[in-house]
Amino acid sequence: MTDRHTSSPGICLVFPCYNEEEVLPDLLRTLRTLDLGIPTRFLFINDGSTDGTLQLLQAACQSDHQMAYLSFSRNFGHQVAVSAGLKHARGDLVAVLDADLQDPPELLNQFIAKWRDGYDVVYGIRTNRKEPWFLRVCYSSFYHLLSKTANIRIPRDAGDFALMDRKVVDVINSLPEHNRFVRGLRGWVGFHQVGVKYARPARHAGKPSYNMKRLSRLALDGLLSFSSAPLRLSAWLGAGAAFLGFCYLVYALSVFISGKDLPEGWTSTVVLILFLGGVQLMVLGILGEYLGRIFDEVKGRPHYVMNECAGWLTEPDTIKE
């Protein structure tokens, strides 16, 4: 077994990009001065950007042999872009970072030190988020709910920012599911993992690509992919409705036996119908989400369609793996 304290592994930094034209120049300048002390490569995944992101990546790859990019035919989503980066990354180590400089590349020196200490996965734990209070509340609620309901341990406030050993990346790449929640897959594969806390700065420039719709979809993917709690909730709601119906039946029988008349009126009937209808529709919605994911899996379509690539992706691998 290779001694991690004396070896010089190759590392590949993966950056999913979607409309990052405003922040890319600053990111590229930061990467050109980054010193991790080991052979380093950079891989950018252009997720169907509609601004000048692709043109900037093309120019960067022509002037710097450390850089490469892969461009999708359209926007396939952030988690798919991360998965594509893991699949095409080279080297003994692979790191995933956001392109907006909210994941500081220089922090990877601490991650590499943890890897040398024997950890196979080193992930960042976000503290002091520089985001609106409403988003902070949503993030906190999601991670709390996920930690309570997930079938595996998914660290709270741990995003996709992580350093992974090659053996971990290979296992994640072998997982076939279509709906990707990479931080969940990273937790599912196991191995020796540790978190490193860091203050997540505000976005350096440009607008975030994750709006509330995308964030809600990501949260739903995480909950449905790694938790059966929504299905159990459906069962409990059905049991609760049945119990309420039984209680009302007991009440009606007791009134009938006592010789009294049951109160007449539409209010109780309408409330009961609305309650049961709401429960049924919610249960159908939950089942529909699971069915939709099964449908996506059985279609067997590829996760993404590659339009072009450049840089060291088109050359034989020369970094030790």
Protein backbone atom coordinates (compact mmCIF):
# COMPACT_ATOMS: atom_id res chain seq x y z
CA MET A 1 0.00 0.00 0.00
CA THR A 2 1.33 3.46 -0.95
CA ASP A 3 2.41 5.70 1.93
CA ARG A 4 0.20 8.76 1.57
CA HIS A 5 2.67 10.93 3.49
CA THR A 6 5.44 10.37 0.97
CA SER A 7 3.50 9.89 -2.27
CA SER A 8 2.80 12.67 -4.80
CA PRO A 9 -0.70 11.94 -6.13
CA GLY A 10 -2.24 13.70 -9.10
CA ILE A 11 -5.37 15.72 -8.37
CA CYS A 12 -8.18 16.90 -10.63
CA LEU A 13 -10.41 19.81 -9.64
CA VAL A 14 -13.93 19.61 -11.12
CA PHE A 15 -16.01 22.77 -11.64
CA PRO A 16 -19.64 22.51 -12.83
CA CYS A 17 -20.44 25.72 -14.75
CA TYR A 18 -23.75 27.26 -15.80
CA ASN A 19 -23.74 30.88 -16.97
CA GLU A 20 -20.58 31.75 -15.03
CA GLU A 21 -19.27 34.36 -17.49
CA GLU A 22 -18.94 37.07 -14.83
CA VAL A 23 -17.03 35.00 -12.27
CA LEU A 24 -14.90 32.79 -14.54
CA PRO A 25 -12.07 35.32 -15.12
CA ASP A 26 -11.56 35.66 -11.35
CA LEU A 27 -11.72 31.88 -10.90
CA LEU A 28 -9.15 31.29 -13.65
CA ARG A 29 -6.77 33.83 -12.12
CA THR A 30 -7.15 32.13 -8.73
CA LEU A 31 -6.45 28.70 -10.19
CA ARG A 32 -3.33 29.84 -12.06
CA THR A 33 -1.75 30.90 -8.76
CA LEU A 34 -3.04 27.91 -6.76
CA ASP A 35 -0.28 25.75 -5.28
CA LEU A 36 -1.36 22.38 -3.87
CA GLY A 37 2.12 20.90 -3.92
CA ILE A 38 1.09 18.01 -6.21
CA PRO A 39 0.40 17.65 -9.96
CA THR A 40 -2.89 19.44 -10.59
CA ARG A 41 -5.46 19.51 -13.37
CA PHE A 42 -8.69 21.47 -13.79
CA LEU A 43 -11.86 20.16 -15.44
CA PHE A 44 -14.79 22.45 -16.25
CA ILE A 45 -18.22 21.02 -17.08
CA ASN A 46 -20.22 23.51 -19.15
CA ASP A 47 -23.83 22.65 -18.36
CA GLY A 48 -25.43 24.21 -21.44
CA SER A 49 -24.54 27.83 -20.59
CA THR A 50 -26.25 30.51 -22.67
CA ASP A 51 -23.76 33.32 -22.00
CA GLY A 52 -20.05 33.55 -22.83
CA THR A 53 -18.94 30.75 -20.47
CA LEU A 54 -18.01 28.33 -23.26
CA GLN A 55 -15.93 30.94 -25.13
CA LEU A 56 -13.97 31.73 -21.96
CA LEU A 57 -13.30 28.03 -21.36
CA GLN A 58 -12.17 27.55 -24.95
CA ALA A 59 -9.66 30.39 -24.62
CA ALA A 60 -8.41 29.12 -21.24
CA CYS A 61 -7.78 25.61 -22.54
CA GLN A 62 -5.82 26.94 -25.52
CA SER A 63 -3.42 28.85 -23.26
CA ASP A 64 -3.10 26.47 -20.29
CA HIS A 65 -2.30 22.74 -20.59
CA GLN A 66 -3.63 22.13 -17.06
CA MET A 67 -7.19 22.94 -18.10
CA ALA A 68 -9.86 21.01 -19.96
CA TYR A 69 -13.58 21.36 -20.46
CA LEU A 70 -16.52 19.22 -21.41
CA SER A 71 -19.63 20.92 -22.83
CA PHE A 72 -23.17 19.51 -22.76
CA SER A 73 -25.61 19.84 -25.67
CA ARG A 74 -28.08 21.57 -23.29
CA ASN A 75 -28.62 22.19 -19.60
CA PHE A 76 -28.88 18.83 -17.79
CA GLY A 77 -28.58 20.09 -14.22
CA HIS A 78 -25.90 20.69 -11.61
CA GLN A 79 -25.84 17.17 -10.16
CA VAL A 80 -25.49 15.64 -13.62
CA ALA A 81 -22.62 18.04 -14.32
CA VAL A 82 -20.91 16.94 -11.10
CA SER A 83 -21.40 13.29 -12.09
CA ALA A 84 -19.90 13.93 -15.54
CA GLY A 85 -16.91 15.61 -13.91
CA LEU A 86 -16.33 12.61 -11.65
CA LYS A 87 -16.56 10.27 -14.63
CA HIS A 88 -14.02 12.15 -16.75
CA ALA A 89 -11.64 13.31 -14.00
CA ARG A 90 -8.14 11.88 -13.93
CA GLY A 91 -5.70 11.42 -11.09
CA ASP A 92 -5.50 9.74 -7.69
CA LEU A 93 -7.62 12.47 -6.10
CA VAL A 94 -10.71 14.30 -7.35
CA ALA A 95 -12.15 17.48 -5.83
CA VAL A 96 -15.53 19.04 -6.62
CA LEU A 97 -15.94 22.81 -6.20
CA ASP A 98 -18.48 25.44 -7.22
CA ALA A 99 -17.26 27.82 -9.91
CA ASP A 100 -18.45 30.92 -8.03
CA LEU A 101 -15.50 30.87 -5.57
CA GLN A 102 -17.78 30.13 -2.64
CA ASP A 103 -15.74 26.94 -2.20
CA PRO A 104 -12.20 28.33 -1.63
CA PRO A 105 -9.69 26.31 -3.74
CA GLU A 106 -6.89 27.05 -1.25
CA LEU A 107 -8.80 25.07 1.39
CA LEU A 108 -7.89 21.93 -0.57
CA ASN A 109 -4.47 22.02 1.11
CA GLN A 110 -6.25 21.13 4.38
CA PHE A 111 -8.27 18.48 2.58
CA ILE A 112 -5.12 16.89 1.16
CA ALA A 113 -3.54 16.89 4.64
CA LYS A 114 -6.59 14.99 5.92
CA TRP A 115 -6.30 12.54 3.02
CA ARG A 116 -2.65 11.93 3.95
CA ASP A 117 -3.85 11.15 7.48
CA GLY A 118 -5.86 8.26 6.06
CA TYR A 119 -9.27 9.69 5.15
CA ASP A 120 -10.77 8.66 1.81
CA VAL A 121 -13.34 11.47 1.64
CA VAL A 122 -12.86 14.98 3.02
CA TYR A 123 -15.90 17.24 2.66
CA GLY A 124 -16.53 20.86 3.54
CA ILE A 125 -19.04 21.81 6.25
CA ARG A 126 -20.51 25.23 5.57
CA THR A 127 -20.69 27.77 8.39
CA ASN A 128 -21.65 31.45 8.42
CA ARG A 129 -23.47 31.39 5.08
CA LYS A 130 -23.49 34.79 3.33
CA GLU A 131 -26.99 34.33 1.95
CA PRO A 132 -30.46 35.84 2.59
CA TRP A 133 -32.05 34.74 5.87
CA PHE A 134 -34.90 32.97 4.06
CA LEU A 135 -32.47 30.74 2.15
CA ARG A 136 -30.51 30.02 5.34
CA VAL A 137 -33.73 28.91 7.06
CA CYS A 138 -34.63 26.70 4.06
CA TYR A 139 -31.16 25.11 4.00
CA SER A 140 -31.22 24.48 7.74
CA SER A 141 -34.70 22.95 7.60
CA PHE A 142 -33.78 20.71 4.67
CA TYR A 143 -30.61 19.35 6.27
CA HIS A 144 -32.40 18.81 9.58
CA LEU A 145 -35.22 16.90 7.84
CA LEU A 146 -32.79 14.89 5.73
CA SER A 147 -30.64 13.95 8.73
CA LYS A 148 -33.75 12.69 10.56
CA THR A 149 -35.29 10.72 7.69
CA ALA A 150 -32.44 9.50 5.47
CA ASN A 151 -31.56 5.81 5.44
CA ILE A 152 -27.87 6.74 5.56
CA ARG A 153 -25.81 9.38 7.35
CA ILE A 154 -25.64 12.56 5.28
CA PRO A 155 -23.64 15.21 7.16
CA ARG A 156 -25.52 18.39 7.95
CA ASP A 157 -24.46 21.51 5.96
CA ALA A 158 -22.14 19.43 3.76
CA GLY A 159 -22.55 20.27 0.07
CA ASP A 160 -20.76 18.92 -2.97
CA PHE A 161 -17.42 20.55 -2.01
CA ALA A 162 -15.24 17.53 -1.28
CA LEU A 163 -11.99 15.74 -1.97
CA MET A 164 -12.29 12.03 -2.83
CA ASP A 165 -9.81 9.23 -3.28
CA ARG A 166 -9.82 7.50 -6.67
CA LYS A 167 -11.37 4.32 -5.24
CA VAL A 168 -14.33 6.33 -3.91
CA VAL A 169 -14.82 8.08 -7.27
CA ASP A 170 -14.76 4.74 -9.09
CA VAL A 171 -17.51 3.35 -6.85
CA ILE A 172 -19.70 6.47 -7.31
CA ASN A 173 -19.18 6.28 -11.08
CA SER A 174 -20.39 2.67 -11.04
CA LEU A 175 -23.76 3.63 -9.52
CA PRO A 176 -26.34 3.64 -12.34
CA GLU A 177 -29.22 5.74 -10.99
CA HIS A 178 -30.54 8.53 -13.18
CA ASN A 179 -31.62 10.96 -10.44
CA ARG A 180 -28.28 11.96 -8.96
CA PHE A 181 -27.86 13.46 -5.48
CA VAL A 182 -24.07 13.31 -5.31
CA ARG A 183 -23.58 14.25 -1.67
CA GLY A 184 -25.99 11.45 -0.77
CA LEU A 185 -24.18 8.96 -3.02
CA ARG A 186 -20.92 10.06 -1.42
CA GLY A 187 -22.33 9.21 1.99
CA TRP A 188 -23.85 5.95 0.79
CA VAL A 189 -20.58 4.46 -0.50
CA GLY A 190 -19.03 4.68 2.96
CA PHE A 191 -15.23 4.60 3.37
CA HIS A 192 -13.34 6.73 5.90
CA GLN A 193 -14.84 10.25 5.83
CA VAL A 194 -14.27 13.48 7.72
CA GLY A 195 -15.64 17.03 7.54
CA VAL A 196 -13.71 20.31 7.58
CA LYS A 197 -15.59 23.44 8.69
CA TYR A 198 -15.18 26.60 6.66
CA ALA A 199 -16.90 29.99 6.45
CA ARG A 200 -18.70 30.01 3.12
CA PRO A 201 -18.23 33.46 1.56
CA ALA A 202 -20.75 35.32 -0.57
CA ARG A 203 -20.85 34.65 -4.29
CA HIS A 204 -17.91 36.44 -5.91
CA ALA A 205 -19.77 37.75 -8.96
CA GLY A 206 -22.79 37.07 -11.13
CA LYS A 207 -26.11 35.53 -10.15
CA PRO A 208 -26.58 32.06 -8.64
CA SER A 209 -27.93 29.45 -11.04
CA TYR A 210 -29.90 27.75 -8.25
CA ASN A 211 -33.27 29.50 -7.93
CA MET A 212 -36.03 28.35 -5.56
CA LYS A 213 -37.41 25.94 -8.16
CA ARG A 214 -34.03 24.24 -8.66
CA LEU A 215 -33.35 24.17 -4.92
CA SER A 216 -36.75 22.62 -4.26
CA ARG A 217 -36.09 19.98 -6.91
CA LEU A 218 -32.68 19.19 -5.40
CA ALA A 219 -34.23 18.87 -1.93
CA LEU A 220 -36.93 16.56 -3.30
CA ASP A 221 -34.32 14.41 -5.06
CA GLY A 222 -32.39 14.09 -1.81
CA LEU A 223 -35.44 13.13 0.25
CA LEU A 224 -36.89 10.65 -2.24
CA SER A 225 -33.55 9.06 -3.18
CA PHE A 226 -32.37 8.36 0.35
CA SER A 227 -35.49 8.16 2.49
CA SER A 228 -38.66 6.09 2.56
CA ALA A 229 -40.22 8.52 5.08
CA PRO A 230 -42.66 10.03 2.51
CA LEU A 231 -44.11 6.57 1.90
CA ARG A 232 -44.39 5.94 5.63
CA LEU A 233 -46.04 9.35 6.02
CA SER A 234 -48.65 8.29 3.45
CA ALA A 235 -49.39 5.17 5.45
CA TRP A 236 -49.68 7.12 8.70
CA LEU A 237 -51.99 9.67 7.12
CA GLY A 238 -54.23 6.87 5.85
CA ALA A 239 -54.22 5.25 9.28
CA GLY A 240 -55.02 8.59 10.90
CA ALA A 241 -57.95 9.20 8.57
CA ALA A 242 -59.27 5.68 9.24
CA PHE A 243 -58.93 6.25 13.00
CA LEU A 244 -60.87 9.51 12.80
CA GLY A 245 -63.57 7.74 10.80
CA PHE A 246 -63.77 5.00 13.43
CA CYS A 247 -64.04 7.58 16.22
CA TYR A 248 -66.89 9.28 14.41
CA LEU A 249 -68.61 5.89 13.93
CA VAL A 250 -68.37 5.21 17.69
CA TYR A 251 -69.77 8.67 18.39
CA ALA A 252 -72.68 8.13 15.95
CA LEU A 253 -73.53 4.73 17.47
CA SER A 254 -73.48 6.14 20.99
CA VAL A 255 -75.83 8.95 19.98
CA PHE A 256 -78.14 6.47 18.21
CA ILE A 257 -78.24 4.11 21.23
CA SER A 258 -79.04 6.98 23.57
CA GLY A 259 -82.05 7.83 21.41
CA LYS A 260 -80.79 11.24 20.40
CA ASP A 261 -80.69 12.62 16.87
CA LEU A 262 -77.39 13.20 15.10
CA PRO A 263 -76.81 16.87 14.25
CA GLU A 264 -77.59 17.62 10.62
CA GLY A 265 -75.72 20.00 8.38
CA TRP A 266 -73.28 20.32 5.53
CA THR A 267 -70.31 21.67 7.49
CA SER A 268 -69.10 18.38 8.96
CA THR A 269 -69.67 16.58 5.66
CA VAL A 270 -67.75 19.16 3.63
CA VAL A 271 -64.87 19.23 6.14
CA LEU A 272 -64.63 15.43 6.12
CA ILE A 273 -64.68 15.23 2.33
CA LEU A 274 -62.03 17.95 1.97
CA PHE A 275 -59.81 16.28 4.58
CA LEU A 276 -60.01 12.83 3.00
CA GLY A 277 -59.65 14.26 -0.51
CA GLY A 278 -56.56 16.22 0.53
CA VAL A 279 -54.99 13.15 2.12
CA GLN A 280 -55.68 11.05 -0.98
CA LEU A 281 -54.26 13.66 -3.36
CA MET A 282 -51.13 14.09 -1.24
CA VAL A 283 -50.58 10.32 -1.10
CA LEU A 284 -51.09 10.10 -4.88
CA GLY A 285 -48.57 12.92 -5.35
CA ILE A 286 -45.95 11.12 -3.25
CA LEU A 287 -46.51 7.87 -5.11
CA GLY A 288 -46.36 9.78 -8.40
CA GLU A 289 -42.93 11.20 -7.53
CA TYR A 290 -41.57 7.72 -6.80
CA LEU A 291 -43.20 6.34 -9.96
CA GLY A 292 -41.73 9.15 -12.04
CA ARG A 293 -38.25 8.28 -10.79
CA ILE A 294 -38.78 4.61 -11.60
CA PHE A 295 -39.92 5.64 -15.09
CA ASP A 296 -36.75 7.70 -15.56
CA GLU A 297 -34.62 4.72 -14.54
CA VAL A 298 -36.27 2.14 -16.83
CA LYS A 299 -36.02 4.39 -19.90
CA GLY A 300 -32.26 3.94 -19.74
CA ARG A 301 -31.38 7.27 -21.33
CA PRO A 302 -27.85 8.62 -20.80
CA HIS A 303 -27.38 11.12 -18.01
CA TYR A 304 -26.19 13.77 -20.48
CA VAL A 305 -25.21 14.37 -24.10
CA MET A 306 -21.70 15.73 -24.71
CA ASN A 307 -21.37 18.36 -27.43
CA GLU A 308 -17.62 18.94 -27.34
CA CYS A 309 -14.52 18.69 -25.19
CA ALA A 310 -11.01 20.14 -25.32
CA GLY A 311 -7.78 20.33 -23.40
CA TRP A 312 -6.15 17.33 -21.77
CA LEU A 313 -9.39 15.34 -22.11
CA THR A 314 -8.39 14.72 -25.73
CA GLU A 315 -4.89 13.52 -24.78
CA PRO A 316 -3.53 10.31 -23.19
CA ASP A 317 -3.35 10.39 -19.41
CA THR A 318 0.07 11.33 -18.08
CA ILE A 319 -0.74 11.95 -14.41
CA LYS A 320 -0.05 8.95 -12.21
CA GLU A 321 -3.23 7.20 -11.07
